[in-house]
Protein backbone atom coordinates (compact mmCIF):
# COMPACT_ATOMS: atom_id res chain seq x y z
CA MET A 1 93.36 100.63 85.84
CA ALA A 2 96.74 101.65 86.31
CA VAL A 3 98.85 100.60 89.38
CA GLU A 4 99.96 103.48 91.41
CA ARG A 5 103.79 103.33 91.71
CA LYS A 6 105.92 105.17 93.98
CA LEU A 7 109.77 105.74 93.96
CA MET A 8 111.01 104.23 97.21
CA ARG A 9 114.40 103.05 98.63
CA SER A 10 114.30 99.35 98.24
CA SER A 11 114.87 96.51 100.92
CA ASN A 12 117.04 94.97 98.06
CA LYS A 13 119.94 97.15 99.11
CA ILE A 14 123.76 97.26 99.13
CA LEU A 15 124.02 100.81 100.56
CA ALA A 16 120.99 102.65 101.24
CA GLY A 17 118.57 100.95 98.58
CA VAL A 18 118.37 103.78 96.15
CA CYS A 19 119.53 101.82 93.01
CA GLY A 20 117.30 99.07 94.22
CA GLY A 21 114.30 101.29 94.33
CA ILE A 22 114.85 102.79 90.99
CA ALA A 23 115.16 99.13 89.58
CA GLU A 24 111.86 98.30 91.30
CA TYR A 25 110.19 101.34 89.94
CA PHE A 26 111.15 100.78 86.42
CA GLU A 27 110.84 97.01 86.74
CA VAL A 28 114.33 96.09 85.91
CA ASP A 29 117.19 94.02 87.40
CA PRO A 30 118.85 95.94 90.37
CA THR A 31 122.14 94.84 89.03
CA LEU A 32 121.62 96.58 85.69
CA ILE A 33 121.02 99.75 87.48
CA ARG A 34 123.79 99.34 89.82
CA ALA A 35 126.15 98.79 86.91
CA ILE A 36 124.96 101.89 84.93
CA TYR A 37 125.27 104.02 88.20
CA ALA A 38 128.85 102.78 88.64
CA ILE A 39 129.70 103.40 85.00
CA LEU A 40 128.24 107.00 85.15
CA ALA A 41 130.07 107.69 88.40
CA ILE A 42 133.42 106.69 87.15
CA PHE A 43 133.00 108.78 83.81
CA THR A 44 131.86 111.84 85.96
CA THR A 45 134.86 111.52 88.22
CA GLY A 46 132.60 110.38 91.15
CA PHE A 47 131.78 113.36 92.92
CA PRO A 48 128.58 114.25 90.96
CA GLY A 49 127.49 110.53 91.16
CA LEU A 50 128.19 110.49 94.81
CA LEU A 51 126.18 113.84 95.54
CA LEU A 52 123.31 112.56 93.42
CA TYR A 53 123.18 109.27 95.48
CA LEU A 54 123.32 111.12 98.84
CA ILE A 55 120.56 113.48 97.65
CA LEU A 56 118.36 110.59 96.72
CA MET A 57 118.88 108.74 99.74
CA LEU A 58 117.74 111.65 101.69
CA ILE A 59 114.55 112.53 99.84
CA MET A 60 113.51 108.82 98.79
CA PRO A 61 111.28 107.31 101.39
CA ALA A 62 112.04 103.86 102.58
CA ALA A 63 109.67 101.15 101.29
CA PRO A 64 107.44 99.69 104.09
CA THR A 65 108.45 96.37 105.31
CA ALA A 66 107.14 93.90 108.03
CA HIS A 67 110.46 94.56 109.90
CA ASN A 68 109.79 98.18 110.72
CA VAL A 69 109.20 98.71 114.34
CA GLU A 70 105.94 100.48 113.84
CA ASP A 71 104.72 97.20 112.17
CA VAL A 72 105.51 94.88 114.86
CA LYS A 73 103.00 93.96 117.50
CA PHE A 74 104.34 93.20 121.04
CA GLU A 75 102.32 91.42 123.56
CA ASP A 76 101.99 92.96 126.86
CA ALA A 77 103.77 90.66 129.46
CA THR A 78 101.54 91.90 132.21
CA LYS A 79 98.30 90.72 130.41
CA LYS A 80 99.37 87.11 130.22
CA GLU A 81 97.60 84.75 132.22
CA ASP A 82 99.64 82.38 134.56
CA LYS A 83 98.21 79.01 134.96
């Protein structure tokens, strides 16, 4: 049975996690993806690469982590028993 993979921004990030998310999706080293992206951005005079990164940053969902506020469970201070 194949594991369902989703393209998401990674917590392994330098800016917004786009390159890290792409690397996790294709199961390669994030440094390799970042280097390829940097080389392509330089050879395309930067603007198309920057525009693509910004678009991906907006449309790629963030990967769920335990650090998200929705996942943190807070105790109600009024329910604690004083001894």
